[in-house]
């Protein structure tokens, strides 16, 4: 029996990602973008990390692991605007942290 993927994970992937066999996305960045997306869309429920991992596998993405666990996904990447927005937020957070130190 084939299980269907979660509808809001499918929507997240459609809105924010490029699916391509050669594409790669950093696990942490994909997860953070998903969490922010669910917040912006005012979703009632954000999947836990384990469920998100499961749904990425259901979507056909291959986890690339190292000793510390999954570090990236093969077969998917964030659309450029998504990863740029994440990087800008991290830079702003770092600047805020430095200002308060």
PDB file of N, CA and C in Angstrom:
ATOM      1  N   UNK A   1       0.842  -1.186   0.000  1.00  0.00           N
ATOM      2  CA  UNK A   1       0.000   0.000   0.000  1.00  0.00           C
ATOM      3  C   UNK A   1       0.886   1.249   0.000  1.00  0.00           C
ATOM      4  N   UNK A   2       0.651   2.133  -0.928  1.00  0.00           N
ATOM      5  CA  UNK A   2       1.426   3.367  -1.013  1.00  0.00           C
ATOM      6  C   UNK A   2       0.710   4.446  -0.210  1.00  0.00           C
ATOM      7  N   UNK A   3       1.451   5.090   0.676  1.00  0.00           N
ATOM      8  CA  UNK A   3       0.876   6.169   1.471  1.00  0.00           C
ATOM      9  C   UNK A   3       1.065   7.487   0.745  1.00  0.00           C
ATOM     10  N   UNK A   4       0.054   8.329   0.824  1.00  0.00           N
ATOM     11  CA  UNK A   4       0.133   9.635   0.183  1.00  0.00           C
ATOM     12  C   UNK A   4       0.897  10.601   1.077  1.00  0.00           C
ATOM     13  N   UNK A   5       1.508  11.580   0.436  1.00  0.00           N
ATOM     14  CA  UNK A   5       2.234  12.594   1.181  1.00  0.00           C
ATOM     15  C   UNK A   5       1.247  13.590   1.777  1.00  0.00           C
ATOM     16  N   UNK A   6       1.638  14.217   2.871  1.00  0.00           N
ATOM     17  CA  UNK A   6       0.847  15.225   3.549  1.00  0.00           C
ATOM     18  C   UNK A   6       0.555  16.376   2.583  1.00  0.00           C
ATOM     19  N   UNK A   7      -0.724  16.807   2.452  1.00  0.00           N
ATOM     20  CA  UNK A   7      -1.060  17.858   1.486  1.00  0.00           C
ATOM     21  C   UNK A   7      -0.315  19.169   1.700  1.00  0.00           C
ATOM     22  N   UNK A   8      -0.083  19.565   2.969  1.00  0.00           N
ATOM     23  CA  UNK A   8       0.613  20.842   3.134  1.00  0.00           C
ATOM     24  C   UNK A   8       2.109  20.707   2.884  1.00  0.00           C
ATOM     25  N   UNK A   9       2.679  19.508   3.004  1.00  0.00           N
ATOM     26  CA  UNK A   9       4.074  19.301   2.612  1.00  0.00           C
ATOM     27  C   UNK A   9       4.180  19.403   1.086  1.00  0.00           C
ATOM     28  N   UNK A  10       3.211  18.814   0.390  1.00  0.00           N
ATOM     29  CA  UNK A  10       3.178  18.911  -1.075  1.00  0.00           C
ATOM     30  C   UNK A  10       3.087  20.378  -1.496  1.00  0.00           C
ATOM     31  N   UNK A  11       2.231  21.141  -0.819  1.00  0.00           N
ATOM     32  CA  UNK A  11       2.084  22.572  -1.135  1.00  0.00           C
ATOM     33  C   UNK A  11       3.372  23.340  -0.847  1.00  0.00           C
ATOM     34  N   UNK A  12       4.015  23.033   0.289  1.00  0.00           N
ATOM     35  CA  UNK A  12       5.295  23.669   0.618  1.00  0.00           C
ATOM     36  C   UNK A  12       6.316  23.396  -0.487  1.00  0.00           C
ATOM     37  N   UNK A  13       6.417  22.148  -0.894  1.00  0.00           N
ATOM     38  CA  UNK A  13       7.385  21.778  -1.935  1.00  0.00           C
ATOM     39  C   UNK A  13       7.080  22.499  -3.244  1.00  0.00           C
ATOM     40  N   UNK A  14       5.806  22.564  -3.610  1.00  0.00           N
ATOM     41  CA  UNK A  14       5.412  23.240  -4.846  1.00  0.00           C
ATOM     42  C   UNK A  14       5.733  24.739  -4.788  1.00  0.00           C
ATOM     43  N   UNK A  15       5.453  25.364  -3.655  1.00  0.00           N
ATOM     44  CA  UNK A  15       5.634  26.814  -3.521  1.00  0.00           C
ATOM     45  C   UNK A  15       7.090  27.238  -3.350  1.00  0.00           C
ATOM     46  N   UNK A  16       7.913  26.384  -2.745  1.00  0.00           N
ATOM     47  CA  UNK A  16       9.234  26.814  -2.308  1.00  0.00           C
ATOM     48  C   UNK A  16      10.419  26.050  -2.862  1.00  0.00           C
ATOM     49  N   UNK A  17      10.164  24.971  -3.589  1.00  0.00           N
ATOM     50  CA  UNK A  17      11.266  24.098  -3.986  1.00  0.00           C
ATOM     51  C   UNK A  17      11.278  23.791  -5.473  1.00  0.00           C
ATOM     52  N   UNK A  18      12.441  23.385  -5.926  1.00  0.00           N
ATOM     53  CA  UNK A  18      12.645  22.871  -7.271  1.00  0.00           C
ATOM     54  C   UNK A  18      12.990  21.403  -7.107  1.00  0.00           C
ATOM     55  N   UNK A  19      12.227  20.560  -7.786  1.00  0.00           N
ATOM     56  CA  UNK A  19      12.476  19.121  -7.723  1.00  0.00           C
ATOM     57  C   UNK A  19      13.246  18.727  -8.975  1.00  0.00           C
ATOM     58  N   UNK A  20      14.431  18.175  -8.763  1.00  0.00           N
ATOM     59  CA  UNK A  20      15.307  17.770  -9.861  1.00  0.00           C
ATOM     60  C   UNK A  20      16.235  16.689  -9.325  1.00  0.00           C
ATOM     61  N   UNK A  21      16.488  15.661 -10.112  1.00  0.00           N
ATOM     62  CA  UNK A  21      17.301  14.543  -9.624  1.00  0.00           C
ATOM     63  C   UNK A  21      18.705  14.962  -9.199  1.00  0.00           C
ATOM     64  N   UNK A  22      19.243  16.021  -9.798  1.00  0.00           N
ATOM     65  CA  UNK A  22      20.598  16.473  -9.457  1.00  0.00           C
ATOM     66  C   UNK A  22      20.630  17.543  -8.366  1.00  0.00           C
ATOM     67  N   UNK A  23      19.466  18.022  -7.962  1.00  0.00           N
ATOM     68  CA  UNK A  23      19.400  19.096  -6.967  1.00  0.00           C
ATOM     69  C   UNK A  23      19.750  18.568  -5.576  1.00  0.00           C
ATOM     70  N   UNK A  24      20.232  19.472  -4.738  1.00  0.00           N
ATOM     71  CA  UNK A  24      20.516  19.151  -3.338  1.00  0.00           C
ATOM     72  C   UNK A  24      20.101  20.321  -2.459  1.00  0.00           C
ATOM     73  N   UNK A  25      19.580  19.994  -1.296  1.00  0.00           N
ATOM     74  CA  UNK A  25      19.206  21.019  -0.319  1.00  0.00           C
ATOM     75  C   UNK A  25      19.764  20.617   1.036  1.00  0.00           C
ATOM     76  N   UNK A  26      20.308  21.569   1.742  1.00  0.00           N
ATOM     77  CA  UNK A  26      20.769  21.313   3.096  1.00  0.00           C
ATOM     78  C   UNK A  26      19.548  21.016   3.967  1.00  0.00           C
ATOM     79  N   UNK A  27      19.636  19.966   4.739  1.00  0.00           N
ATOM     80  CA  UNK A  27      18.516  19.518   5.572  1.00  0.00           C
ATOM     81  C   UNK A  27      18.036  20.628   6.507  1.00  0.00           C
ATOM     82  N   UNK A  28      18.972  21.254   7.198  1.00  0.00           N
ATOM     83  CA  UNK A  28      18.618  22.299   8.175  1.00  0.00           C
ATOM     84  C   UNK A  28      17.911  23.468   7.491  1.00  0.00           C
ATOM     85  N   UNK A  29      18.403  23.880   6.336  1.00  0.00           N
ATOM     86  CA  UNK A  29      17.807  25.007   5.622  1.00  0.00           C
ATOM     87  C   UNK A  29      16.407  24.660   5.110  1.00  0.00           C
ATOM     88  N   UNK A  30      16.225  23.447   4.601  1.00  0.00           N
ATOM     89  CA  UNK A  30      14.914  23.009   4.120  1.00  0.00           C
ATOM     90  C   UNK A  30      13.919  22.957   5.283  1.00  0.00           C
ATOM     91  N   UNK A  31      14.364  22.401   6.402  1.00  0.00           N
ATOM     92  CA  UNK A  31      13.516  22.308   7.593  1.00  0.00           C
ATOM     93  C   UNK A  31      13.142  23.695   8.119  1.00  0.00           C
ATOM     94  N   UNK A  32      14.101  24.605   8.234  1.00  0.00           N
ATOM     95  CA  UNK A  32      13.817  25.958   8.726  1.00  0.00           C
ATOM     96  C   UNK A  32      12.845  26.694   7.805  1.00  0.00           C
ATOM     97  N   UNK A  33      13.038  26.532   6.509  1.00  0.00           N
ATOM     98  CA  UNK A  33      12.145  27.185   5.552  1.00  0.00           C
ATOM     99  C   UNK A  33      10.734  26.623   5.680  1.00  0.00           C
ATOM    100  N   UNK A  34      10.627  25.308   5.861  1.00  0.00           N
ATOM    101  CA  UNK A  34       9.314  24.682   6.059  1.00  0.00           C
ATOM    102  C   UNK A  34       8.640  25.255   7.315  1.00  0.00           C
ATOM    103  N   UNK A  35       9.360  25.340   8.414  1.00  0.00           N
ATOM    104  CA  UNK A  35       8.790  25.869   9.661  1.00  0.00           C
ATOM    105  C   UNK A  35       8.327  27.313   9.496  1.00  0.00           C
ATOM    106  N   UNK A  36       9.141  28.130   8.848  1.00  0.00           N
ATOM    107  CA  UNK A  36       8.769  29.524   8.617  1.00  0.00           C
ATOM    108  C   UNK A  36       7.551  29.611   7.702  1.00  0.00           C
ATOM    109  N   UNK A  37       7.515  28.760   6.689  1.00  0.00           N
ATOM    110  CA  UNK A  37       6.396  28.744   5.758  1.00  0.00           C
ATOM    111  C   UNK A  37       5.093  28.402   6.475  1.00  0.00           C
ATOM    112  N   UNK A  38       5.123  27.379   7.356  1.00  0.00           N
ATOM    113  CA  UNK A  38       3.903  27.018   8.077  1.00  0.00           C
ATOM    114  C   UNK A  38       3.447  28.155   8.991  1.00  0.00           C
ATOM    115  N   UNK A  39       4.412  28.880   9.554  1.00  0.00           N
ATOM    116  CA  UNK A  39       4.072  30.028  10.399  1.00  0.00           C
ATOM    117  C   UNK A  39       3.435  31.143   9.558  1.00  0.00           C
ATOM    118  N   UNK A  40       4.049  31.462   8.426  1.00  0.00           N
ATOM    119  CA  UNK A  40       3.524  32.511   7.549  1.00  0.00           C
ATOM    120  C   UNK A  40       2.144  32.167   6.994  1.00  0.00           C
ATOM    121  N   UNK A  41       1.921  30.898   6.726  1.00  0.00           N
ATOM    122  CA  UNK A  41       0.630  30.437   6.195  1.00  0.00           C
ATOM    123  C   UNK A  41      -0.387  30.181   7.301  1.00  0.00           C
ATOM    124  N   UNK A  42       0.044  30.418   8.540  1.00  0.00           N
ATOM    125  CA  UNK A  42      -0.817  30.237   9.716  1.00  0.00           C
ATOM    126  C   UNK A  42      -1.413  28.827   9.774  1.00  0.00           C
ATOM    127  N   UNK A  43      -0.533  27.869   9.510  1.00  0.00           N
ATOM    128  CA  UNK A  43      -0.950  26.468   9.598  1.00  0.00           C
ATOM    129  C   UNK A  43      -1.207  26.131  11.059  1.00  0.00           C
ATOM    130  N   UNK A  44      -2.188  25.340  11.304  1.00  0.00           N
ATOM    131  CA  UNK A  44      -2.502  24.958  12.680  1.00  0.00           C
ATOM    132  C   UNK A  44      -1.451  24.040  13.260  1.00  0.00           C
ATOM    133  N   UNK A  45      -0.799  23.295  12.377  1.00  0.00           N
ATOM    134  CA  UNK A  45       0.136  22.285  12.865  1.00  0.00           C
ATOM    135  C   UNK A  45       1.360  22.232  11.962  1.00  0.00           C
ATOM    136  N   UNK A  46       2.517  22.296  12.563  1.00  0.00           N
ATOM    137  CA  UNK A  46       3.779  22.091  11.853  1.00  0.00           C
ATOM    138  C   UNK A  46       4.248  20.685  12.179  1.00  0.00           C
ATOM    139  N   UNK A  47       4.637  19.945  11.161  1.00  0.00           N
ATOM    140  CA  UNK A  47       5.131  18.595  11.399  1.00  0.00           C
ATOM    141  C   UNK A  47       6.396  18.637  12.238  1.00  0.00           C
ATOM    142  N   UNK A  48       6.569  17.628  13.061  1.00  0.00           N
ATOM    143  CA  UNK A  48       7.823  17.511  13.798  1.00  0.00           C
ATOM    144  C   UNK A  48       8.918  17.116  12.804  1.00  0.00           C
ATOM    145  N   UNK A  49      10.152  17.243  13.215  1.00  0.00           N
ATOM    146  CA  UNK A  49      11.285  16.959  12.343  1.00  0.00           C
ATOM    147  C   UNK A  49      11.227  15.532  11.786  1.00  0.00           C
ATOM    148  N   UNK A  50      10.890  14.583  12.621  1.00  0.00           N
ATOM    149  CA  UNK A  50      10.817  13.179  12.184  1.00  0.00           C
ATOM    150  C   UNK A  50       9.757  12.989  11.090  1.00  0.00           C
ATOM    151  N   UNK A  51       8.585  13.607  11.264  1.00  0.00           N
ATOM    152  CA  UNK A  51       7.526  13.509  10.254  1.00  0.00           C
ATOM    153  C   UNK A  51       7.929  14.209   8.962  1.00  0.00           C
ATOM    154  N   UNK A  52       8.584  15.357   9.093  1.00  0.00           N
ATOM    155  CA  UNK A  52       9.041  16.073   7.899  1.00  0.00           C
ATOM    156  C   UNK A  52      10.027  15.205   7.128  1.00  0.00           C
ATOM    157  N   UNK A  53      10.944  14.569   7.833  1.00  0.00           N
ATOM    158  CA  UNK A  53      11.905  13.648   7.227  1.00  0.00           C
ATOM    159  C   UNK A  53      11.162  12.546   6.475  1.00  0.00           C
ATOM    160  N   UNK A  54      10.169  11.955   7.128  1.00  0.00           N
ATOM    161  CA  UNK A  54       9.386  10.884   6.528  1.00  0.00           C
ATOM    162  C   UNK A  54       8.721  11.350   5.230  1.00  0.00           C
ATOM    163  N   UNK A  55       8.144  12.546   5.258  1.00  0.00           N
ATOM    164  CA  UNK A  55       7.444  13.056   4.073  1.00  0.00           C
ATOM    165  C   UNK A  55       8.413  13.443   2.960  1.00  0.00           C
ATOM    166  N   UNK A  56       9.610  13.856   3.302  1.00  0.00           N
ATOM    167  CA  UNK A  56      10.631  14.098   2.267  1.00  0.00           C
ATOM    168  C   UNK A  56      10.980  12.782   1.569  1.00  0.00           C
ATOM    169  N   UNK A  57      11.079  11.719   2.338  1.00  0.00           N
ATOM    170  CA  UNK A  57      11.348  10.398   1.743  1.00  0.00           C
ATOM    171  C   UNK A  57      10.175   9.940   0.890  1.00  0.00           C
ATOM    172  N   UNK A  58       8.950  10.165   1.358  1.00  0.00           N
ATOM    173  CA  UNK A  58       7.769   9.803   0.571  1.00  0.00           C
ATOM    174  C   UNK A  58       7.739  10.546  -0.757  1.00  0.00           C
ATOM    175  N   UNK A  59       8.245  11.777  -0.746  1.00  0.00           N
ATOM    176  CA  UNK A  59       8.276  12.581  -1.970  1.00  0.00           C
ATOM    177  C   UNK A  59       9.357  12.100  -2.937  1.00  0.00           C
ATOM    178  N   UNK A  60      10.185  11.155  -2.499  1.00  0.00           N
ATOM    179  CA  UNK A  60      11.191  10.578  -3.374  1.00  0.00           C
ATOM    180  C   UNK A  60      12.586  11.157  -3.220  1.00  0.00           C
ATOM    181  N   UNK A  61      12.791  12.018  -2.227  1.00  0.00           N
ATOM    182  CA  UNK A  61      14.112  12.598  -2.017  1.00  0.00           C
ATOM    183  C   UNK A  61      14.982  11.614  -1.245  1.00  0.00           C
ATOM    184  N   UNK A  62      16.263  11.640  -1.543  1.00  0.00           N
ATOM    185  CA  UNK A  62      17.211  10.718  -0.915  1.00  0.00           C
ATOM    186  C   UNK A  62      18.020  11.454   0.151  1.00  0.00           C
ATOM    187  N   UNK A  63      18.009  10.941   1.398  1.00  0.00           N
ATOM    188  CA  UNK A  63      18.821  11.585   2.432  1.00  0.00           C
ATOM    189  C   UNK A  63      20.302  11.275   2.225  1.00  0.00           C
ATOM    190  N   UNK A  64      21.124  12.301   2.388  1.00  0.00           N
ATOM    191  CA  UNK A  64      22.577  12.135   2.329  1.00  0.00           C
ATOM    192  C   UNK A  64      23.065  12.283   3.754  1.00  0.00           C
ATOM    193  N   UNK A  65      23.627  11.218   4.308  1.00  0.00           N
ATOM    194  CA  UNK A  65      23.978  11.195   5.728  1.00  0.00           C
ATOM    195  C   UNK A  65      25.477  11.234   5.962  1.00  0.00           C
ATOM    196  N   UNK A  66      25.811  11.740   7.112  1.00  0.00           N
ATOM    197  CA  UNK A  66      27.157  11.663   7.656  1.00  0.00           C
ATOM    198  C   UNK A  66      27.016  11.127   9.070  1.00  0.00           C
ATOM    199  N   UNK A  67      28.078  11.084   9.819  1.00  0.00           N
ATOM    200  CA  UNK A  67      28.029  10.521  11.174  1.00  0.00           C
ATOM    201  C   UNK A  67      26.965  11.175  12.048  1.00  0.00           C
ATOM    202  N   UNK A  68      26.782  12.484  11.924  1.00  0.00           N
ATOM    203  CA  UNK A  68      25.840  13.194  12.785  1.00  0.00           C
ATOM    204  C   UNK A  68      24.403  13.124  12.285  1.00  0.00           C
ATOM    205  N   UNK A  69      24.141  12.400  11.199  1.00  0.00           N
ATOM    206  CA  UNK A  69      22.776  12.254  10.690  1.00  0.00           C
ATOM    207  C   UNK A  69      22.628  12.840   9.301  1.00  0.00           C
ATOM    208  N   UNK A  70      21.394  13.086   8.914  1.00  0.00           N
ATOM    209  CA  UNK A  70      21.100  13.612   7.584  1.00  0.00           C
ATOM    210  C   UNK A  70      21.577  15.055   7.506  1.00  0.00           C
ATOM    211  N   UNK A  71      22.371  15.347   6.498  1.00  0.00           N
ATOM    212  CA  UNK A  71      22.861  16.715   6.323  1.00  0.00           C
ATOM    213  C   UNK A  71      22.276  17.384   5.087  1.00  0.00           C
ATOM    214  N   UNK A  72      21.838  16.586   4.112  1.00  0.00           N
ATOM    215  CA  UNK A  72      21.202  17.188   2.940  1.00  0.00           C
ATOM    216  C   UNK A  72      20.307  16.174   2.250  1.00  0.00           C
ATOM    217  N   UNK A  73      19.478  16.701   1.358  1.00  0.00           N
ATOM    218  CA  UNK A  73      18.554  15.894   0.581  1.00  0.00           C
ATOM    219  C   UNK A  73      18.918  15.982  -0.895  1.00  0.00           C
ATOM    220  N   UNK A  74      18.933  14.862  -1.554  1.00  0.00           N
ATOM    221  CA  UNK A  74      19.201  14.779  -2.986  1.00  0.00           C
ATOM    222  C   UNK A  74      17.853  14.704  -3.691  1.00  0.00           C
ATOM    223  N   UNK A  75      17.678  15.538  -4.724  1.00  0.00           N
ATOM    224  CA  UNK A  75      16.452  15.526  -5.511  1.00  0.00           C
ATOM    225  C   UNK A  75      15.576  16.750  -5.317  1.00  0.00           C
ATOM    226  N   UNK A  76      16.004  17.648  -4.430  1.00  0.00           N
ATOM    227  CA  UNK A  76      15.215  18.846  -4.146  1.00  0.00           C
ATOM    228  C   UNK A  76      16.156  19.992  -3.783  1.00  0.00           C
ATOM    229  N   UNK A  77      15.745  21.200  -4.110  1.00  0.00           N
ATOM    230  CA  UNK A  77      16.471  22.395  -3.664  1.00  0.00           C
ATOM    231  C   UNK A  77      15.475  23.519  -3.463  1.00  0.00           C
ATOM    232  N   UNK A  78      15.828  24.446  -2.596  1.00  0.00           N
ATOM    233  CA  UNK A  78      14.987  25.620  -2.392  1.00  0.00           C
ATOM    234  C   UNK A  78      15.076  26.528  -3.605  1.00  0.00           C
ATOM    235  N   UNK A  79      13.957  27.148  -3.932  1.00  0.00           N
ATOM    236  CA  UNK A  79      13.990  28.164  -4.979  1.00  0.00           C
ATOM    237  C   UNK A  79      14.904  29.286  -4.493  1.00  0.00           C
ATOM    238  N   UNK A  80      15.609  29.949  -5.391  1.00  0.00           N
ATOM    239  CA  UNK A  80      16.589  30.974  -4.971  1.00  0.00           C
ATOM    240  C   UNK A  80      16.044  32.008  -3.994  1.00  0.00           C
ATOM    241  N   UNK A  81      14.851  32.482  -4.176  1.00  0.00           N
ATOM    242  CA  UNK A  81      14.310  33.503  -3.266  1.00  0.00           C
ATOM    243  C   UNK A  81      14.167  32.985  -1.849  1.00  0.00           C
ATOM    244  N   UNK A  82      13.903  31.695  -1.685  1.00  0.00           N
ATOM    245  CA  UNK A  82      13.741  31.123  -0.346  1.00  0.00           C
ATOM    246  C   UNK A  82      15.067  31.064   0.391  1.00  0.00           C
ATOM    247  N   UNK A  83      16.106  30.557  -0.270  1.00  0.00           N
ATOM    248  CA  UNK A  83      17.379  30.441   0.439  1.00  0.00           C
ATOM    249  C   UNK A  83      17.985  31.816   0.680  1.00  0.00           C
ATOM    250  N   UNK A  84      17.758  32.783  -0.215  1.00  0.00           N
ATOM    251  CA  UNK A  84      18.254  34.142  -0.012  1.00  0.00           C
ATOM    252  C   UNK A  84      17.577  34.773   1.198  1.00  0.00           C
ATOM    253  N   UNK A  85      16.276  34.560   1.338  1.00  0.00           N
ATOM    254  CA  UNK A  85      15.540  35.119   2.469  1.00  0.00           C
ATOM    255  C   UNK A  85      16.025  34.506   3.782  1.00  0.00           C
ATOM    256  N   UNK A  86      16.261  33.216   3.784  1.00  0.00           N
ATOM    257  CA  UNK A  86      16.768  32.542   4.997  1.00  0.00           C
ATOM    258  C   UNK A  86      18.131  33.103   5.370  1.00  0.00           C
ATOM    259  N   UNK A  87      19.037  33.227   4.397  1.00  0.00           N
ATOM    260  CA  UNK A  87      20.372  33.738   4.685  1.00  0.00           C
ATOM    261  C   UNK A  87      20.314  35.166   5.218  1.00  0.00           C
ATOM    262  N   UNK A  88      19.434  35.993   4.670  1.00  0.00           N
ATOM    263  CA  UNK A  88      19.297  37.372   5.139  1.00  0.00           C
ATOM    264  C   UNK A  88      18.803  37.394   6.585  1.00  0.00           C
ATOM    265  N   UNK A  89      17.850  36.527   6.919  1.00  0.00           N
ATOM    266  CA  UNK A  89      17.345  36.473   8.296  1.00  0.00           C
ATOM    267  C   UNK A  89      18.443  36.035   9.251  1.00  0.00           C
ATOM    268  N   UNK A  90      19.260  35.060   8.848  1.00  0.00           N
ATOM    269  CA  UNK A  90      20.355  34.611   9.716  1.00  0.00           C
ATOM    270  C   UNK A  90      21.372  35.724   9.928  1.00  0.00           C
ATOM    271  N   UNK A  91      21.699  36.460   8.886  1.00  0.00           N
ATOM    272  CA  UNK A  91      22.640  37.584   9.026  1.00  0.00           C
ATOM    273  C   UNK A  91      22.065  38.620   9.983  1.00  0.00           C
ATOM    274  N   UNK A  92      20.770  38.937   9.842  1.00  0.00           N
ATOM    275  CA  UNK A  92      20.144  39.914  10.732  1.00  0.00           C
ATOM    276  C   UNK A  92      20.140  39.420  12.172  1.00  0.00           C
ATOM    277  N   UNK A  93      19.878  38.150  12.388  1.00  0.00           N
ATOM    278  CA  UNK A  93      19.886  37.588  13.746  1.00  0.00           C
ATOM    279  C   UNK A  93      21.279  37.655  14.342  1.00  0.00           C
ATOM    280  N   UNK A  94      22.300  37.372  13.530  1.00  0.00           N
ATOM    281  CA  UNK A  94      23.672  37.444  14.017  1.00  0.00           C
ATOM    282  C   UNK A  94      24.037  38.874  14.400  1.00  0.00           C
ATOM    283  N   UNK A  95      23.598  39.844  13.572  1.00  0.00           N
ATOM    284  CA  UNK A  95      23.864  41.239  13.882  1.00  0.00           C
ATOM    285  C   UNK A  95      23.156  41.657  15.183  1.00  0.00           C
ATOM    286  N   UNK A  96      21.914  41.204  15.351  1.00  0.00           N
ATOM    287  CA  UNK A  96      21.187  41.509  16.580  1.00  0.00           C
ATOM    288  C   UNK A  96      21.887  40.912  17.789  1.00  0.00           C
ATOM    289  N   UNK A  97      22.357  39.675  17.654  1.00  0.00           N
ATOM    290  CA  UNK A  97      23.043  39.022  18.767  1.00  0.00           C
ATOM    291  C   UNK A  97      24.344  39.750  19.101  1.00  0.00           C
ATOM    292  N   UNK A  98      25.077  40.189  18.078  1.00  0.00           N
ATOM    293  CA  UNK A  98      26.317  40.932  18.315  1.00  0.00           C
ATOM    294  C   UNK A  98      26.042  42.275  19.009  1.00  0.00           C
ATOM    295  N   UNK A  99      24.938  42.912  18.640  1.00  0.00           N
ATOM    296  CA  UNK A  99      24.602  44.211  19.224  1.00  0.00           C
ATOM    297  C   UNK A  99      24.244  44.073  20.699  1.00  0.00           C
ATOM    298  N   UNK A 100      23.676  42.937  21.076  1.00  0.00           N
ATOM    299  CA  UNK A 100      23.286  42.724  22.469  1.00  0.00           C
ATOM    300  C   UNK A 100      24.384  42.117  23.315  1.00  0.00           C
ATOM    301  N   UNK A 101      25.501  41.780  22.702  1.00  0.00           N
ATOM    302  CA  UNK A 101      26.608  41.152  23.441  1.00  0.00           C
ATOM    303  C   UNK A 101      27.455  42.185  24.141  1.00  0.00           C
TER     304      UNK A 101
END
